[in-house]
N, C-alpha and C. Protein backbone atom coordinates (compact mmCIF):
# COMPACT_ATOMS: atom_id res chain seq x y z
N MET A 1 -0.56 275.80 120.76
CA MET A 1 -0.44 277.24 120.75
C MET A 1 -0.95 277.84 122.05
N TYR A 2 -2.09 277.31 122.55
CA TYR A 2 -2.65 277.83 123.79
C TYR A 2 -1.74 277.53 124.98
N LYS A 3 -1.08 276.39 124.93
CA LYS A 3 -0.17 276.03 126.02
C LYS A 3 0.98 277.02 126.11
N ILE A 4 1.49 277.48 125.01
CA ILE A 4 2.60 278.44 124.99
C ILE A 4 2.14 279.78 125.57
N ILE A 5 0.96 280.21 125.21
CA ILE A 5 0.43 281.48 125.72
C ILE A 5 0.21 281.40 127.23
N ILE A 6 -0.34 280.31 127.70
CA ILE A 6 -0.57 280.13 129.14
C ILE A 6 0.76 280.10 129.89
N ILE A 7 1.75 279.41 129.35
CA ILE A 7 3.07 279.35 129.99
C ILE A 7 3.70 280.74 130.03
N LEU A 8 3.60 281.51 128.96
CA LEU A 8 4.14 282.86 128.94
C LEU A 8 3.46 283.75 129.97
N ILE A 9 2.15 283.64 130.08
CA ILE A 9 1.42 284.44 131.08
C ILE A 9 1.85 284.06 132.49
N LEU A 10 2.00 282.78 132.76
CA LEU A 10 2.45 282.33 134.08
C LEU A 10 3.87 282.79 134.37
N LEU A 11 4.74 282.78 133.38
CA LEU A 11 6.10 283.26 133.56
C LEU A 11 6.14 284.77 133.86
N ILE A 12 5.29 285.52 133.20
CA ILE A 12 5.22 286.96 133.47
C ILE A 12 4.73 287.22 134.89
N ILE A 13 3.71 286.50 135.31
CA ILE A 13 3.21 286.64 136.68
C ILE A 13 4.29 286.27 137.68
N LEU A 14 4.99 285.18 137.43
CA LEU A 14 6.06 284.75 138.32
C LEU A 14 7.17 285.81 138.39
N PHE A 15 7.52 286.39 137.25
CA PHE A 15 8.54 287.42 137.21
C PHE A 15 8.16 288.60 138.10
N TYR A 16 6.92 289.10 138.00
CA TYR A 16 6.50 290.23 138.80
C TYR A 16 6.41 289.89 140.29
N MET A 17 6.04 288.67 140.61
CA MET A 17 6.00 288.27 142.01
C MET A 17 7.40 288.21 142.61
N ILE A 18 8.35 287.68 141.86
CA ILE A 18 9.73 287.61 142.34
C ILE A 18 10.32 289.01 142.47
N ARG A 19 10.02 289.87 141.51
CA ARG A 19 10.54 291.24 141.56
C ARG A 19 10.00 291.99 142.77
N ARG A 20 8.71 291.83 143.07
CA ARG A 20 8.12 292.48 144.24
C ARG A 20 8.74 291.96 145.53
N ALA A 21 8.95 290.65 145.61
CA ALA A 21 9.56 290.06 146.81
C ALA A 21 10.99 290.55 146.98
N ALA A 22 11.73 290.65 145.88
CA ALA A 22 13.12 291.11 145.95
C ALA A 22 13.18 292.56 146.40
N ARG A 23 12.29 293.39 145.91
CA ARG A 23 12.29 294.80 146.33
C ARG A 23 11.94 294.93 147.81
N ALA A 24 11.00 294.15 148.27
CA ALA A 24 10.63 294.21 149.69
C ALA A 24 11.77 293.72 150.56
N TRP A 25 12.53 292.76 150.09
CA TRP A 25 13.64 292.21 150.87
C TRP A 25 14.81 293.19 150.90
N ILE A 26 15.03 293.91 149.82
CA ILE A 26 16.16 294.83 149.72
C ILE A 26 15.92 296.12 150.48
N GLU A 27 14.67 296.57 150.51
CA GLU A 27 14.36 297.83 151.18
C GLU A 27 14.79 297.77 152.64
N THR A 28 15.41 298.84 153.09
CA THR A 28 15.77 298.91 154.50
C THR A 28 14.65 299.62 155.23
N LYS A 29 14.18 298.99 156.25
CA LYS A 29 13.10 299.55 157.04
C LYS A 29 13.70 300.16 158.30
N PRO A 30 13.19 301.30 158.74
CA PRO A 30 13.71 301.88 159.96
C PRO A 30 13.44 300.97 161.15
N GLU A 31 14.40 300.92 162.07
CA GLU A 31 14.23 300.05 163.23
C GLU A 31 13.08 300.50 164.11
N GLU A 32 13.00 301.79 164.29
CA GLU A 32 11.96 302.32 165.15
C GLU A 32 11.45 303.61 164.53
N ALA A 33 10.16 303.75 164.46
CA ALA A 33 9.58 304.96 163.88
C ALA A 33 9.78 306.12 164.85
N THR A 34 10.20 307.25 164.33
CA THR A 34 10.37 308.43 165.15
C THR A 34 9.06 309.20 165.16
N PRO A 35 8.52 309.48 166.35
CA PRO A 35 7.26 310.20 166.39
C PRO A 35 7.43 311.64 165.92
N GLY A 36 6.37 312.22 165.39
CA GLY A 36 6.39 313.61 164.97
C GLY A 36 6.55 314.52 166.18
N LYS A 37 6.89 315.79 165.92
CA LYS A 37 7.19 316.68 167.04
C LYS A 37 5.96 317.03 167.88
N ASP A 38 4.75 316.83 167.34
CA ASP A 38 3.53 317.14 168.09
C ASP A 38 2.94 315.92 168.79
N VAL A 39 3.55 314.76 168.64
CA VAL A 39 3.04 313.53 169.23
C VAL A 39 3.43 313.48 170.71
N MET A 40 2.50 313.07 171.53
CA MET A 40 2.77 312.96 172.96
C MET A 40 3.47 311.63 173.25
N VAL A 41 4.56 311.70 174.00
CA VAL A 41 5.31 310.51 174.40
C VAL A 41 5.38 310.49 175.92
N GLN A 42 5.52 309.29 176.48
CA GLN A 42 5.52 309.15 177.94
C GLN A 42 6.94 309.01 178.47
N ASP A 43 7.23 309.76 179.50
CA ASP A 43 8.52 309.67 180.19
C ASP A 43 8.52 308.36 180.98
N PRO A 44 9.55 307.50 180.80
CA PRO A 44 9.54 306.21 181.51
C PRO A 44 9.81 306.33 183.00
N VAL A 45 10.30 307.47 183.48
CA VAL A 45 10.63 307.61 184.90
C VAL A 45 9.43 308.13 185.68
N CYS A 46 8.96 309.32 185.32
CA CYS A 46 7.88 309.93 186.10
C CYS A 46 6.50 309.74 185.47
N LYS A 47 6.45 309.08 184.31
CA LYS A 47 5.20 308.72 183.63
C LYS A 47 4.38 309.92 183.15
N THR A 48 5.00 311.10 183.03
CA THR A 48 4.29 312.25 182.48
C THR A 48 4.38 312.22 180.96
N TYR A 49 3.46 312.91 180.31
CA TYR A 49 3.45 312.99 178.86
C TYR A 49 4.01 314.33 178.42
N VAL A 50 4.89 314.29 177.44
CA VAL A 50 5.46 315.50 176.85
C VAL A 50 5.41 315.35 175.34
N THR A 51 5.47 316.48 174.64
CA THR A 51 5.51 316.39 173.18
C THR A 51 6.90 315.95 172.76
N ALA A 52 6.98 315.17 171.71
CA ALA A 52 8.28 314.65 171.25
C ALA A 52 9.20 315.78 170.81
N GLY A 53 8.64 316.90 170.38
CA GLY A 53 9.46 318.03 169.96
C GLY A 53 10.17 318.72 171.10
N THR A 54 9.60 318.68 172.30
CA THR A 54 10.21 319.35 173.45
C THR A 54 10.88 318.38 174.41
N ALA A 55 10.76 317.09 174.18
CA ALA A 55 11.31 316.08 175.10
C ALA A 55 12.82 315.98 174.96
N ILE A 56 13.45 315.54 176.03
CA ILE A 56 14.88 315.23 176.03
C ILE A 56 15.00 313.81 175.47
N VAL A 57 15.76 313.64 174.39
CA VAL A 57 15.89 312.33 173.74
C VAL A 57 17.23 311.72 174.10
N GLU A 58 17.21 310.51 174.60
CA GLU A 58 18.43 309.79 174.98
C GLU A 58 18.42 308.40 174.36
N GLU A 59 19.57 307.96 173.91
CA GLU A 59 19.75 306.59 173.43
C GLU A 59 20.34 305.79 174.59
N VAL A 60 19.57 304.87 175.12
CA VAL A 60 20.02 304.05 176.24
C VAL A 60 19.86 302.60 175.85
N SER A 61 20.92 301.85 175.88
CA SER A 61 20.94 300.42 175.53
C SER A 61 20.41 300.20 174.12
N GLY A 62 20.72 301.12 173.23
CA GLY A 62 20.31 300.97 171.84
C GLY A 62 18.87 301.34 171.55
N GLN A 63 18.15 301.83 172.54
CA GLN A 63 16.76 302.23 172.35
C GLN A 63 16.60 303.71 172.63
N ARG A 64 15.70 304.34 171.90
CA ARG A 64 15.45 305.78 172.06
C ARG A 64 14.37 305.97 173.12
N HIS A 65 14.68 306.83 174.10
CA HIS A 65 13.74 307.15 175.17
C HIS A 65 13.54 308.65 175.22
N TYR A 66 12.34 309.07 175.61
CA TYR A 66 11.98 310.48 175.69
C TYR A 66 11.73 310.84 177.14
N PHE A 67 12.31 311.95 177.60
CA PHE A 67 12.21 312.37 178.99
C PHE A 67 11.69 313.79 179.08
N CYS A 68 11.04 314.11 180.21
CA CYS A 68 10.51 315.45 180.40
C CYS A 68 11.59 316.41 180.87
N SER A 69 12.65 315.89 181.51
CA SER A 69 13.72 316.76 182.02
C SER A 69 15.05 316.01 182.04
N GLN A 70 16.11 316.77 182.24
CA GLN A 70 17.44 316.17 182.34
C GLN A 70 17.54 315.30 183.59
N ASP A 71 16.85 315.69 184.66
CA ASP A 71 16.89 314.90 185.90
C ASP A 71 16.32 313.50 185.67
N CYS A 72 15.21 313.41 184.95
CA CYS A 72 14.62 312.10 184.66
C CYS A 72 15.55 311.27 183.78
N ALA A 73 16.21 311.91 182.84
CA ALA A 73 17.14 311.20 181.96
C ALA A 73 18.32 310.67 182.77
N LYS A 74 18.86 311.48 183.67
CA LYS A 74 19.98 311.04 184.52
C LYS A 74 19.56 309.88 185.42
N HIS A 75 18.38 309.99 186.00
CA HIS A 75 17.86 308.93 186.88
C HIS A 75 17.70 307.62 186.11
N PHE A 76 17.18 307.71 184.90
CA PHE A 76 16.98 306.52 184.08
C PHE A 76 18.32 305.88 183.71
N ARG A 77 19.30 306.69 183.30
CA ARG A 77 20.63 306.16 182.96
C ARG A 77 21.28 305.50 184.17
N ARG A 78 21.12 306.11 185.33
CA ARG A 78 21.69 305.56 186.56
C ARG A 78 21.06 304.22 186.89
N GLU A 79 19.75 304.09 186.71
CA GLU A 79 19.04 302.84 186.99
C GLU A 79 19.40 301.76 185.96
N GLU A 80 19.66 302.15 184.71
CA GLU A 80 20.00 301.18 183.66
C GLU A 80 21.40 300.60 183.86
N THR A 81 22.32 301.41 184.39
CA THR A 81 23.70 300.93 184.56
C THR A 81 23.88 300.09 185.81
N THR A 82 22.96 300.16 186.74
CA THR A 82 23.11 299.35 187.97
C THR A 82 22.29 298.10 187.91
């Protein structure tokens, strides 16, 4: 009788472990976290810091970059293509 109870408890534990693993595997995680609008981000060209809410956002080579101005964004795109 005790063996049956122990086996049932182990099966229940196994069920919940598999369910948790399946949920974690199915969940889609964002590729890159988007900073809040008040977070300071660094411009990759001139190395100045701007708030993410006011920055120029460009997708270059599949990655999101933040720029302080359109000129820095153009310069970065030009450097990436050459």
